[in-house]
N, C-alpha and C. Protein backbone atom coordinates (compact mmCIF):
# COMPACT_ATOMS: atom_id res chain seq x y z
N MET A 1 -7.57 -9.32 33.55
CA MET A 1 -7.11 -10.04 32.37
C MET A 1 -6.93 -9.04 31.23
N SER A 2 -5.81 -9.13 30.49
CA SER A 2 -5.57 -8.20 29.40
C SER A 2 -6.58 -8.46 28.27
N ASP A 3 -6.79 -7.43 27.42
CA ASP A 3 -7.71 -7.58 26.29
C ASP A 3 -7.27 -8.71 25.38
N LYS A 4 -5.94 -8.83 25.16
CA LYS A 4 -5.43 -9.87 24.27
C LYS A 4 -5.74 -11.25 24.84
N LYS A 5 -5.52 -11.43 26.13
CA LYS A 5 -5.80 -12.73 26.76
C LYS A 5 -7.30 -12.99 26.77
N GLN A 6 -8.09 -11.94 27.06
CA GLN A 6 -9.53 -12.09 27.09
C GLN A 6 -10.06 -12.49 25.72
N ALA A 7 -9.53 -11.84 24.66
CA ALA A 7 -9.99 -12.15 23.31
C ALA A 7 -9.65 -13.58 22.93
N SER A 8 -8.55 -14.11 23.43
CA SER A 8 -8.15 -15.46 23.04
C SER A 8 -8.99 -16.54 23.72
N VAL A 9 -9.69 -16.22 24.81
CA VAL A 9 -10.50 -17.24 25.49
C VAL A 9 -11.95 -17.24 25.03
N ILE A 10 -12.33 -16.29 24.19
CA ILE A 10 -13.69 -16.26 23.65
C ILE A 10 -13.75 -17.20 22.46
N ASP A 11 -14.72 -18.10 22.46
CA ASP A 11 -14.87 -19.04 21.35
C ASP A 11 -15.28 -18.30 20.09
N ASN A 12 -14.77 -18.75 18.96
CA ASN A 12 -15.08 -18.16 17.66
C ASN A 12 -16.54 -18.47 17.31
N PRO A 13 -17.40 -17.44 17.16
CA PRO A 13 -18.80 -17.69 16.84
C PRO A 13 -19.04 -17.92 15.34
N TRP A 14 -18.01 -17.77 14.50
CA TRP A 14 -18.13 -17.96 13.06
C TRP A 14 -17.79 -19.41 12.72
N LYS A 15 -18.45 -19.94 11.68
CA LYS A 15 -18.10 -21.27 11.18
C LYS A 15 -17.82 -21.14 9.68
N THR A 16 -16.64 -21.60 9.26
CA THR A 16 -16.28 -21.57 7.85
C THR A 16 -16.72 -22.87 7.20
N LEU A 17 -17.56 -22.76 6.16
CA LEU A 17 -18.04 -23.94 5.44
C LEU A 17 -17.11 -24.30 4.28
N SER A 18 -16.62 -23.27 3.57
CA SER A 18 -15.69 -23.49 2.46
C SER A 18 -14.93 -22.21 2.17
N THR A 19 -13.80 -22.37 1.48
CA THR A 19 -12.97 -21.24 1.09
C THR A 19 -12.63 -21.38 -0.38
N GLN A 20 -12.85 -20.31 -1.13
CA GLN A 20 -12.58 -20.31 -2.57
C GLN A 20 -11.57 -19.20 -2.89
N PRO A 21 -10.38 -19.56 -3.45
CA PRO A 21 -9.45 -18.51 -3.88
C PRO A 21 -10.07 -17.71 -5.03
N VAL A 22 -9.91 -16.39 -4.99
CA VAL A 22 -10.47 -15.51 -6.02
C VAL A 22 -9.36 -14.84 -6.82
N TYR A 23 -8.30 -14.42 -6.13
CA TYR A 23 -7.23 -13.65 -6.78
C TYR A 23 -5.96 -13.81 -5.96
N ASN A 24 -4.81 -13.80 -6.65
CA ASN A 24 -3.54 -13.96 -5.96
C ASN A 24 -2.46 -13.26 -6.78
N ASN A 25 -1.65 -12.41 -6.13
CA ASN A 25 -0.48 -11.83 -6.80
C ASN A 25 0.67 -11.78 -5.79
N ALA A 26 1.72 -11.06 -6.08
CA ALA A 26 2.90 -11.04 -5.21
C ALA A 26 2.64 -10.34 -3.88
N TRP A 27 1.57 -9.54 -3.77
CA TRP A 27 1.34 -8.74 -2.56
C TRP A 27 0.12 -9.16 -1.76
N ILE A 28 -0.92 -9.65 -2.45
CA ILE A 28 -2.17 -9.98 -1.75
C ILE A 28 -2.77 -11.28 -2.27
N LYS A 29 -3.63 -11.84 -1.43
CA LYS A 29 -4.45 -12.99 -1.81
C LYS A 29 -5.88 -12.66 -1.39
N VAL A 30 -6.85 -12.90 -2.28
CA VAL A 30 -8.25 -12.64 -1.98
C VAL A 30 -9.00 -13.97 -2.00
N GLU A 31 -9.81 -14.20 -0.95
CA GLU A 31 -10.60 -15.42 -0.84
C GLU A 31 -12.06 -15.06 -0.56
N GLU A 32 -12.96 -15.95 -1.02
CA GLU A 32 -14.36 -15.84 -0.64
C GLU A 32 -14.68 -17.04 0.25
N HIS A 33 -15.21 -16.75 1.42
CA HIS A 33 -15.54 -17.80 2.39
C HIS A 33 -17.06 -17.93 2.49
N GLN A 34 -17.55 -19.16 2.41
CA GLN A 34 -18.94 -19.46 2.74
C GLN A 34 -18.95 -19.70 4.24
N VAL A 35 -19.81 -18.98 4.96
CA VAL A 35 -19.76 -19.02 6.42
C VAL A 35 -21.15 -19.19 7.03
N VAL A 36 -21.12 -19.55 8.30
CA VAL A 36 -22.30 -19.44 9.16
C VAL A 36 -21.96 -18.31 10.12
N THR A 37 -22.80 -17.27 10.15
CA THR A 37 -22.54 -16.08 10.94
C THR A 37 -22.79 -16.34 12.43
N PRO A 38 -22.35 -15.42 13.30
CA PRO A 38 -22.66 -15.58 14.72
C PRO A 38 -24.16 -15.66 15.00
N GLY A 39 -24.99 -15.11 14.10
CA GLY A 39 -26.45 -15.19 14.26
C GLY A 39 -27.05 -16.47 13.74
N GLY A 40 -26.21 -17.37 13.19
CA GLY A 40 -26.69 -18.66 12.72
C GLY A 40 -27.16 -18.69 11.28
N THR A 41 -26.98 -17.59 10.54
CA THR A 41 -27.41 -17.56 9.14
C THR A 41 -26.22 -17.84 8.22
N ASN A 42 -26.52 -18.35 7.03
CA ASN A 42 -25.47 -18.57 6.03
C ASN A 42 -25.11 -17.24 5.38
N GLY A 43 -23.85 -17.10 5.02
CA GLY A 43 -23.40 -15.88 4.38
C GLY A 43 -22.07 -16.07 3.67
N ILE A 44 -21.58 -14.98 3.11
CA ILE A 44 -20.25 -14.99 2.49
C ILE A 44 -19.38 -13.93 3.17
N TYR A 45 -18.10 -14.17 3.13
CA TYR A 45 -17.15 -13.21 3.69
C TYR A 45 -15.97 -13.14 2.76
N GLY A 46 -15.63 -11.94 2.32
CA GLY A 46 -14.44 -11.73 1.51
C GLY A 46 -13.27 -11.41 2.42
N LYS A 47 -12.14 -12.07 2.18
CA LYS A 47 -10.95 -11.86 3.01
C LYS A 47 -9.76 -11.54 2.13
N VAL A 48 -9.08 -10.44 2.46
CA VAL A 48 -7.85 -10.05 1.78
C VAL A 48 -6.69 -10.34 2.72
N SER A 49 -5.76 -11.16 2.28
CA SER A 49 -4.56 -11.47 3.07
C SER A 49 -3.36 -10.80 2.43
N PHE A 50 -2.61 -10.07 3.24
CA PHE A 50 -1.40 -9.40 2.76
C PHE A 50 -0.21 -10.32 2.96
N LYS A 51 0.68 -10.33 2.00
CA LYS A 51 1.87 -11.18 2.08
C LYS A 51 3.01 -10.50 2.82
N ASN A 52 2.87 -9.21 3.06
CA ASN A 52 3.83 -8.44 3.86
C ASN A 52 3.12 -7.81 5.04
N GLN A 53 3.91 -7.40 6.01
CA GLN A 53 3.40 -6.63 7.14
C GLN A 53 3.72 -5.16 6.88
N ALA A 54 2.87 -4.26 7.30
CA ALA A 54 3.12 -2.83 7.14
C ALA A 54 4.01 -2.34 8.29
N VAL A 55 5.06 -1.63 7.93
CA VAL A 55 5.98 -1.08 8.93
C VAL A 55 6.09 0.42 8.71
N GLY A 56 5.66 1.18 9.71
CA GLY A 56 5.75 2.63 9.68
C GLY A 56 6.81 3.11 10.65
N ILE A 57 7.44 4.23 10.32
CA ILE A 57 8.53 4.75 11.13
C ILE A 57 8.29 6.23 11.40
N ILE A 58 8.42 6.63 12.66
CA ILE A 58 8.33 8.04 13.02
C ILE A 58 9.73 8.50 13.42
N PRO A 59 10.41 9.23 12.53
CA PRO A 59 11.72 9.75 12.90
C PRO A 59 11.57 11.02 13.73
N VAL A 60 12.32 11.13 14.81
CA VAL A 60 12.28 12.34 15.65
C VAL A 60 13.72 12.72 15.97
N ASP A 61 14.08 13.98 15.68
CA ASP A 61 15.44 14.43 15.97
C ASP A 61 15.51 15.07 17.36
N LYS A 62 16.69 15.52 17.75
CA LYS A 62 16.91 16.05 19.10
C LYS A 62 16.12 17.32 19.36
N GLN A 63 15.74 18.04 18.30
CA GLN A 63 14.97 19.27 18.46
C GLN A 63 13.45 19.02 18.45
N GLY A 64 13.05 17.76 18.32
CA GLY A 64 11.62 17.43 18.32
C GLY A 64 10.95 17.55 16.96
N TYR A 65 11.76 17.56 15.90
CA TYR A 65 11.21 17.59 14.55
C TYR A 65 11.02 16.16 14.04
N THR A 66 10.06 16.02 13.13
CA THR A 66 9.84 14.73 12.47
C THR A 66 9.72 14.96 10.98
N TRP A 67 9.64 13.87 10.23
CA TRP A 67 9.54 13.91 8.79
C TRP A 67 8.31 13.14 8.36
N LEU A 68 7.56 13.71 7.43
CA LEU A 68 6.45 13.03 6.77
C LEU A 68 6.81 12.87 5.30
N VAL A 69 6.24 11.86 4.69
CA VAL A 69 6.38 11.71 3.24
C VAL A 69 4.99 11.87 2.63
N GLY A 70 4.95 12.57 1.53
CA GLY A 70 3.70 12.74 0.82
C GLY A 70 3.81 12.08 -0.54
N GLN A 71 2.74 11.43 -0.95
CA GLN A 71 2.73 10.81 -2.27
C GLN A 71 1.29 10.65 -2.74
N TYR A 72 1.14 10.52 -4.06
CA TYR A 72 -0.18 10.30 -4.63
C TYR A 72 -0.52 8.84 -4.49
N ARG A 73 -1.63 8.54 -3.82
CA ARG A 73 -2.05 7.15 -3.60
C ARG A 73 -3.04 6.74 -4.68
N TYR A 74 -2.62 5.79 -5.48
CA TYR A 74 -3.41 5.32 -6.62
C TYR A 74 -4.80 4.86 -6.19
N THR A 75 -4.88 4.08 -5.11
CA THR A 75 -6.17 3.52 -4.69
C THR A 75 -7.16 4.60 -4.26
N LEU A 76 -6.67 5.69 -3.71
CA LEU A 76 -7.54 6.77 -3.25
C LEU A 76 -7.76 7.84 -4.31
N ASN A 77 -6.89 7.86 -5.31
CA ASN A 77 -6.90 8.91 -6.32
C ASN A 77 -6.73 10.29 -5.68
N GLN A 78 -5.80 10.33 -4.70
CA GLN A 78 -5.52 11.61 -4.03
C GLN A 78 -4.16 11.58 -3.36
N TRP A 79 -3.68 12.77 -3.03
CA TRP A 79 -2.41 12.96 -2.33
C TRP A 79 -2.56 12.57 -0.87
N SER A 80 -1.50 12.01 -0.28
CA SER A 80 -1.56 11.57 1.11
C SER A 80 -0.26 11.87 1.83
N TRP A 81 -0.35 12.57 2.99
CA TRP A 81 0.80 12.75 3.88
C TRP A 81 0.80 11.61 4.89
N GLU A 82 1.97 10.99 5.07
CA GLU A 82 2.09 9.81 5.92
C GLU A 82 3.45 9.77 6.61
N ILE A 83 3.57 8.90 7.59
CA ILE A 83 4.89 8.61 8.12
C ILE A 83 5.60 7.73 7.09
N PRO A 84 6.93 7.71 7.07
CA PRO A 84 7.62 6.78 6.18
C PRO A 84 7.15 5.35 6.47
N MET A 85 6.95 4.56 5.41
CA MET A 85 6.31 3.26 5.61
C MET A 85 6.64 2.33 4.44
N GLY A 86 6.61 1.04 4.72
CA GLY A 86 6.80 0.07 3.65
C GLY A 86 6.39 -1.32 4.10
N GLY A 87 6.50 -2.26 3.17
CA GLY A 87 6.13 -3.64 3.45
C GLY A 87 7.31 -4.44 3.95
N SER A 88 7.05 -5.27 4.94
CA SER A 88 8.06 -6.14 5.51
C SER A 88 7.69 -7.59 5.24
N PRO A 89 8.52 -8.31 4.48
CA PRO A 89 8.25 -9.74 4.35
C PRO A 89 8.15 -10.36 5.74
N LYS A 90 7.21 -11.28 5.91
CA LYS A 90 6.93 -11.82 7.24
C LYS A 90 8.14 -12.48 7.89
N GLU A 91 9.07 -12.99 7.07
CA GLU A 91 10.26 -13.63 7.64
C GLU A 91 11.38 -12.64 7.95
N GLU A 92 11.22 -11.38 7.53
CA GLU A 92 12.26 -10.37 7.75
C GLU A 92 12.08 -9.70 9.11
N ASP A 93 13.17 -9.40 9.77
CA ASP A 93 13.15 -8.65 11.02
C ASP A 93 12.53 -7.27 10.74
N LYS A 94 11.48 -6.92 11.46
CA LYS A 94 10.76 -5.67 11.22
C LYS A 94 11.65 -4.45 11.46
N ILE A 95 12.62 -4.55 12.36
CA ILE A 95 13.54 -3.42 12.59
C ILE A 95 14.40 -3.20 11.35
N LYS A 96 14.82 -4.26 10.70
CA LYS A 96 15.59 -4.12 9.44
C LYS A 96 14.74 -3.42 8.37
N THR A 97 13.45 -3.81 8.31
CA THR A 97 12.55 -3.15 7.37
C THR A 97 12.42 -1.67 7.71
N ALA A 98 12.26 -1.35 9.00
CA ALA A 98 12.14 0.05 9.42
C ALA A 98 13.38 0.84 9.03
N GLU A 99 14.55 0.28 9.26
CA GLU A 99 15.79 0.96 8.89
C GLU A 99 15.84 1.20 7.39
N ARG A 100 15.53 0.18 6.60
CA ARG A 100 15.59 0.27 5.15
C ARG A 100 14.59 1.30 4.62
N GLU A 101 13.33 1.21 5.07
CA GLU A 101 12.30 2.11 4.56
C GLU A 101 12.56 3.57 4.95
N LEU A 102 13.06 3.78 6.16
CA LEU A 102 13.38 5.14 6.60
C LEU A 102 14.41 5.77 5.67
N GLU A 103 15.47 5.02 5.40
CA GLU A 103 16.53 5.57 4.54
C GLU A 103 16.07 5.70 3.09
N GLU A 104 15.37 4.68 2.58
CA GLU A 104 14.90 4.73 1.20
C GLU A 104 14.01 5.94 0.95
N GLU A 105 13.08 6.21 1.87
CA GLU A 105 12.08 7.26 1.63
C GLU A 105 12.53 8.64 2.05
N THR A 106 13.34 8.75 3.11
CA THR A 106 13.70 10.08 3.62
C THR A 106 15.18 10.41 3.49
N GLY A 107 16.02 9.40 3.29
CA GLY A 107 17.45 9.64 3.29
C GLY A 107 18.02 9.75 4.70
N LEU A 108 17.29 9.26 5.70
CA LEU A 108 17.74 9.31 7.09
C LEU A 108 18.13 7.92 7.58
N LYS A 109 19.11 7.88 8.47
CA LYS A 109 19.46 6.66 9.19
C LYS A 109 19.19 6.91 10.66
N ALA A 110 18.90 5.85 11.41
CA ALA A 110 18.63 5.98 12.84
C ALA A 110 19.53 5.01 13.61
N ALA A 111 20.18 5.52 14.65
CA ALA A 111 21.00 4.66 15.51
C ALA A 111 20.13 3.91 16.51
N ASN A 112 18.90 4.40 16.73
CA ASN A 112 18.02 3.78 17.72
C ASN A 112 16.62 3.65 17.14
N ILE A 113 16.10 2.42 17.10
CA ILE A 113 14.74 2.17 16.60
C ILE A 113 14.00 1.34 17.65
N THR A 114 12.82 1.83 18.05
CA THR A 114 12.04 1.19 19.11
C THR A 114 10.62 0.95 18.61
N GLU A 115 10.09 -0.25 18.84
CA GLU A 115 8.71 -0.53 18.46
C GLU A 115 7.76 0.20 19.40
N LEU A 116 6.80 0.92 18.80
CA LEU A 116 5.80 1.65 19.58
C LEU A 116 4.45 0.94 19.62
N LEU A 117 4.06 0.35 18.50
CA LEU A 117 2.66 -0.02 18.35
C LEU A 117 2.50 -1.18 17.36
N HIS A 118 1.57 -2.07 17.67
CA HIS A 118 1.14 -3.14 16.76
C HIS A 118 -0.35 -2.93 16.55
N LEU A 119 -0.80 -2.97 15.29
CA LEU A 119 -2.21 -2.72 15.04
C LEU A 119 -2.70 -3.50 13.82
N HIS A 120 -4.02 -3.58 13.69
CA HIS A 120 -4.68 -4.19 12.53
C HIS A 120 -5.42 -3.05 11.80
N PRO A 121 -4.88 -2.57 10.69
CA PRO A 121 -5.41 -1.37 10.04
C PRO A 121 -6.84 -1.46 9.53
N SER A 122 -7.29 -2.64 9.09
CA SER A 122 -8.65 -2.74 8.53
C SER A 122 -9.17 -4.16 8.75
N ASN A 123 -9.42 -4.51 10.01
CA ASN A 123 -9.68 -5.91 10.36
C ASN A 123 -11.06 -6.43 9.97
N SER A 124 -11.88 -5.62 9.31
CA SER A 124 -13.17 -6.15 8.86
C SER A 124 -13.05 -6.93 7.56
N ILE A 125 -12.00 -6.66 6.77
CA ILE A 125 -11.83 -7.39 5.52
C ILE A 125 -10.44 -7.97 5.31
N THR A 126 -9.49 -7.62 6.16
CA THR A 126 -8.13 -8.08 5.94
C THR A 126 -7.46 -8.52 7.24
N ASP A 127 -6.49 -9.39 7.09
CA ASP A 127 -5.71 -9.84 8.25
C ASP A 127 -4.39 -9.07 8.35
N GLU A 128 -4.27 -7.94 7.62
CA GLU A 128 -3.03 -7.16 7.62
C GLU A 128 -2.64 -6.76 9.04
N GLN A 129 -1.34 -6.83 9.29
CA GLN A 129 -0.79 -6.36 10.56
C GLN A 129 0.12 -5.18 10.28
N GLY A 130 0.06 -4.19 11.15
CA GLY A 130 0.91 -3.02 11.03
C GLY A 130 1.72 -2.82 12.29
N TYR A 131 2.90 -2.27 12.12
CA TYR A 131 3.80 -1.97 13.23
C TYR A 131 4.31 -0.56 13.04
N VAL A 132 4.44 0.18 14.15
CA VAL A 132 4.98 1.52 14.09
C VAL A 132 6.20 1.57 15.00
N PHE A 133 7.28 2.15 14.46
CA PHE A 133 8.54 2.27 15.18
C PHE A 133 8.91 3.73 15.34
N LEU A 134 9.61 4.03 16.42
CA LEU A 134 10.19 5.35 16.65
C LEU A 134 11.66 5.27 16.27
N ALA A 135 12.13 6.20 15.46
CA ALA A 135 13.53 6.26 15.04
C ALA A 135 14.16 7.53 15.61
N THR A 136 15.22 7.37 16.38
CA THR A 136 15.92 8.52 16.97
C THR A 136 17.42 8.39 16.70
N GLU A 137 18.17 9.41 17.16
CA GLU A 137 19.61 9.49 16.90
C GLU A 137 19.85 9.40 15.39
N LEU A 138 19.31 10.39 14.70
CA LEU A 138 19.26 10.39 13.24
C LEU A 138 20.53 10.95 12.62
N SER A 139 20.86 10.43 11.45
CA SER A 139 21.98 10.95 10.65
C SER A 139 21.59 10.83 9.18
N GLU A 140 22.38 11.46 8.33
CA GLU A 140 22.07 11.43 6.91
C GLU A 140 22.47 10.11 6.28
N GLY A 141 21.59 9.61 5.41
CA GLY A 141 21.86 8.41 4.63
C GLY A 141 21.65 8.74 3.17
N LEU A 142 21.15 7.79 2.41
CA LEU A 142 20.95 7.97 0.98
C LEU A 142 19.52 7.60 0.61
N GLN A 143 18.76 8.58 0.14
CA GLN A 143 17.39 8.32 -0.31
C GLN A 143 17.44 7.49 -1.59
N GLN A 144 16.65 6.41 -1.65
CA GLN A 144 16.62 5.54 -2.83
C GLN A 144 15.17 5.13 -3.11
N LEU A 145 14.44 5.99 -3.77
CA LEU A 145 13.03 5.76 -4.00
C LEU A 145 12.79 4.66 -5.02
N GLU A 146 11.73 3.85 -4.77
CA GLU A 146 11.29 2.84 -5.73
C GLU A 146 10.49 3.53 -6.82
N ASP A 147 10.23 2.82 -7.93
CA ASP A 147 9.49 3.41 -9.05
C ASP A 147 8.12 3.94 -8.64
N THR A 148 7.46 3.26 -7.71
CA THR A 148 6.13 3.70 -7.28
C THR A 148 6.20 4.89 -6.33
N GLU A 149 7.41 5.31 -5.95
CA GLU A 149 7.59 6.39 -4.98
C GLU A 149 8.26 7.63 -5.58
N LYS A 150 8.42 7.67 -6.88
CA LYS A 150 9.17 8.76 -7.52
C LYS A 150 8.52 10.13 -7.31
N ASP A 151 7.25 10.16 -6.91
CA ASP A 151 6.56 11.43 -6.68
C ASP A 151 6.63 11.88 -5.22
N ILE A 152 7.34 11.14 -4.38
CA ILE A 152 7.39 11.45 -2.94
C ILE A 152 7.96 12.84 -2.68
N LYS A 153 7.30 13.55 -1.79
CA LYS A 153 7.79 14.83 -1.26
C LYS A 153 8.02 14.63 0.23
N ILE A 154 9.02 15.29 0.77
CA ILE A 154 9.35 15.16 2.19
C ILE A 154 9.06 16.47 2.90
N LYS A 155 8.47 16.36 4.08
CA LYS A 155 8.16 17.54 4.90
C LYS A 155 8.76 17.33 6.28
N LYS A 156 9.66 18.24 6.68
CA LYS A 156 10.22 18.24 8.04
C LYS A 156 9.45 19.29 8.83
N LEU A 157 8.95 18.90 10.00
CA LEU A 157 8.13 19.81 10.78
C LEU A 157 8.20 19.47 12.26
N PRO A 158 7.87 20.44 13.13
CA PRO A 158 7.81 20.11 14.56
C PRO A 158 6.77 19.00 14.78
N PHE A 159 7.10 18.04 15.64
CA PHE A 159 6.21 16.90 15.85
C PHE A 159 4.78 17.33 16.18
N GLU A 160 4.62 18.34 17.03
CA GLU A 160 3.27 18.75 17.43
C GLU A 160 2.43 19.21 16.24
N ASN A 161 3.07 19.62 15.15
CA ASN A 161 2.31 20.02 13.96
C ASN A 161 1.66 18.82 13.27
N THR A 162 2.20 17.61 13.49
CA THR A 162 1.57 16.43 12.89
C THR A 162 0.20 16.18 13.53
N VAL A 163 0.10 16.44 14.82
CA VAL A 163 -1.19 16.27 15.49
C VAL A 163 -2.20 17.28 14.94
N LYS A 164 -1.75 18.51 14.68
CA LYS A 164 -2.64 19.52 14.08
C LYS A 164 -3.08 19.08 12.68
N MET A 165 -2.15 18.47 11.92
CA MET A 165 -2.51 17.98 10.59
C MET A 165 -3.56 16.89 10.68
N ILE A 166 -3.46 16.02 11.69
CA ILE A 166 -4.48 14.98 11.88
C ILE A 166 -5.82 15.64 12.21
N GLN A 167 -5.81 16.60 13.13
CA GLN A 167 -7.04 17.27 13.54
C GLN A 167 -7.70 18.01 12.38
N GLN A 168 -6.90 18.48 11.43
CA GLN A 168 -7.43 19.22 10.29
C GLN A 168 -7.73 18.31 9.09
N GLY A 169 -7.58 17.00 9.26
CA GLY A 169 -7.88 16.06 8.21
C GLY A 169 -6.82 15.98 7.11
N GLU A 170 -5.62 16.47 7.38
CA GLU A 170 -4.55 16.45 6.38
C GLU A 170 -3.76 15.15 6.40
N ILE A 171 -3.85 14.38 7.48
CA ILE A 171 -3.26 13.05 7.56
C ILE A 171 -4.41 12.10 7.85
N THR A 172 -4.66 11.17 6.91
CA THR A 172 -5.78 10.24 7.08
C THR A 172 -5.35 8.78 7.06
N ASP A 173 -4.11 8.50 6.71
CA ASP A 173 -3.62 7.12 6.70
C ASP A 173 -3.71 6.55 8.11
N ALA A 174 -4.36 5.38 8.24
CA ALA A 174 -4.67 4.82 9.56
C ALA A 174 -3.41 4.52 10.39
N ILE A 175 -2.39 3.94 9.78
CA ILE A 175 -1.18 3.62 10.53
C ILE A 175 -0.47 4.89 10.98
N SER A 176 -0.44 5.90 10.11
CA SER A 176 0.18 7.17 10.47
C SER A 176 -0.57 7.84 11.61
N VAL A 177 -1.89 7.92 11.51
CA VAL A 177 -2.70 8.54 12.55
C VAL A 177 -2.50 7.82 13.88
N ALA A 178 -2.59 6.50 13.87
CA ALA A 178 -2.44 5.73 15.11
C ALA A 178 -1.05 5.93 15.72
N GLY A 179 -0.03 5.83 14.89
CA GLY A 179 1.33 5.96 15.40
C GLY A 179 1.63 7.34 15.94
N LEU A 180 1.25 8.37 15.19
CA LEU A 180 1.52 9.75 15.62
C LEU A 180 0.76 10.10 16.90
N LEU A 181 -0.52 9.71 16.98
CA LEU A 181 -1.28 10.01 18.20
C LEU A 181 -0.76 9.20 19.39
N TYR A 182 -0.37 7.95 19.16
CA TYR A 182 0.21 7.15 20.23
C TYR A 182 1.46 7.83 20.78
N LEU A 183 2.34 8.27 19.88
CA LEU A 183 3.57 8.94 20.34
C LEU A 183 3.23 10.25 21.04
N ALA A 184 2.27 11.00 20.53
CA ALA A 184 1.89 12.26 21.19
C ALA A 184 1.42 12.01 22.62
N LEU A 185 0.65 10.95 22.82
CA LEU A 185 0.14 10.62 24.15
C LEU A 185 1.22 10.06 25.08
N ASN A 186 2.28 9.51 24.50
CA ASN A 186 3.33 8.86 25.29
C ASN A 186 4.70 9.49 25.07
N TRP A 187 4.70 10.76 24.69
CA TRP A 187 5.94 11.47 24.34
C TRP A 187 7.00 11.36 25.43
N ASN A 188 6.63 11.68 26.67
CA ASN A 188 7.62 11.69 27.76
C ASN A 188 8.20 10.31 28.06
N GLN A 189 7.47 9.28 27.75
CA GLN A 189 7.95 7.91 27.96
C GLN A 189 9.00 7.52 26.92
N HIS A 190 8.88 8.07 25.69
CA HIS A 190 9.74 7.63 24.60
C HIS A 190 10.80 8.63 24.17
N ILE A 191 10.58 9.91 24.42
CA ILE A 191 11.52 10.94 23.98
C ILE A 191 12.18 11.54 25.22
N LYS A 192 13.48 11.43 25.28
CA LYS A 192 14.24 11.99 26.41
C LYS A 192 14.81 13.32 26.00
N ASP A 193 14.50 14.36 26.77
CA ASP A 193 15.03 15.72 26.46
C ASP A 193 16.49 15.85 26.83
């Protein structure tokens, strides 16, 4: 039985007694839940719900090069190297989001986009879903950065160097790490020489 099927047949050991909205804006909703824990004790649980899905894109050209984007992350108060990424409204086709975000952040277009990975970046406090796509058959487009991205720097490098950056702690974004390592482990399945 697959992990997904196995997880769906396990009864939920949590009981929600009440839910109180705490905060709501265009991107997130925060709730406080009064719960009974799996151990039978009363407790509280904070839940952050994202109104968009995270979509990351790994562009790879015929020579095996990829592109990273670097930007200062306000929440971390530090610089972060990542794969191109953005939010996808839940009703929008994720491939359309991948195409848009790739061009907006890097100025690249892709003739071929394939889903690699679905993940939950921080499932202890949020229901956020992330998706990683591989973009190939690249051509030049038009970079169109949003106001929050005006500090973006672009780095083109051999794909194998991204794995070294992860090993050296230079890439820490969870979706980027997961997507890049997944592709590294499955390179021959997804990249045709």
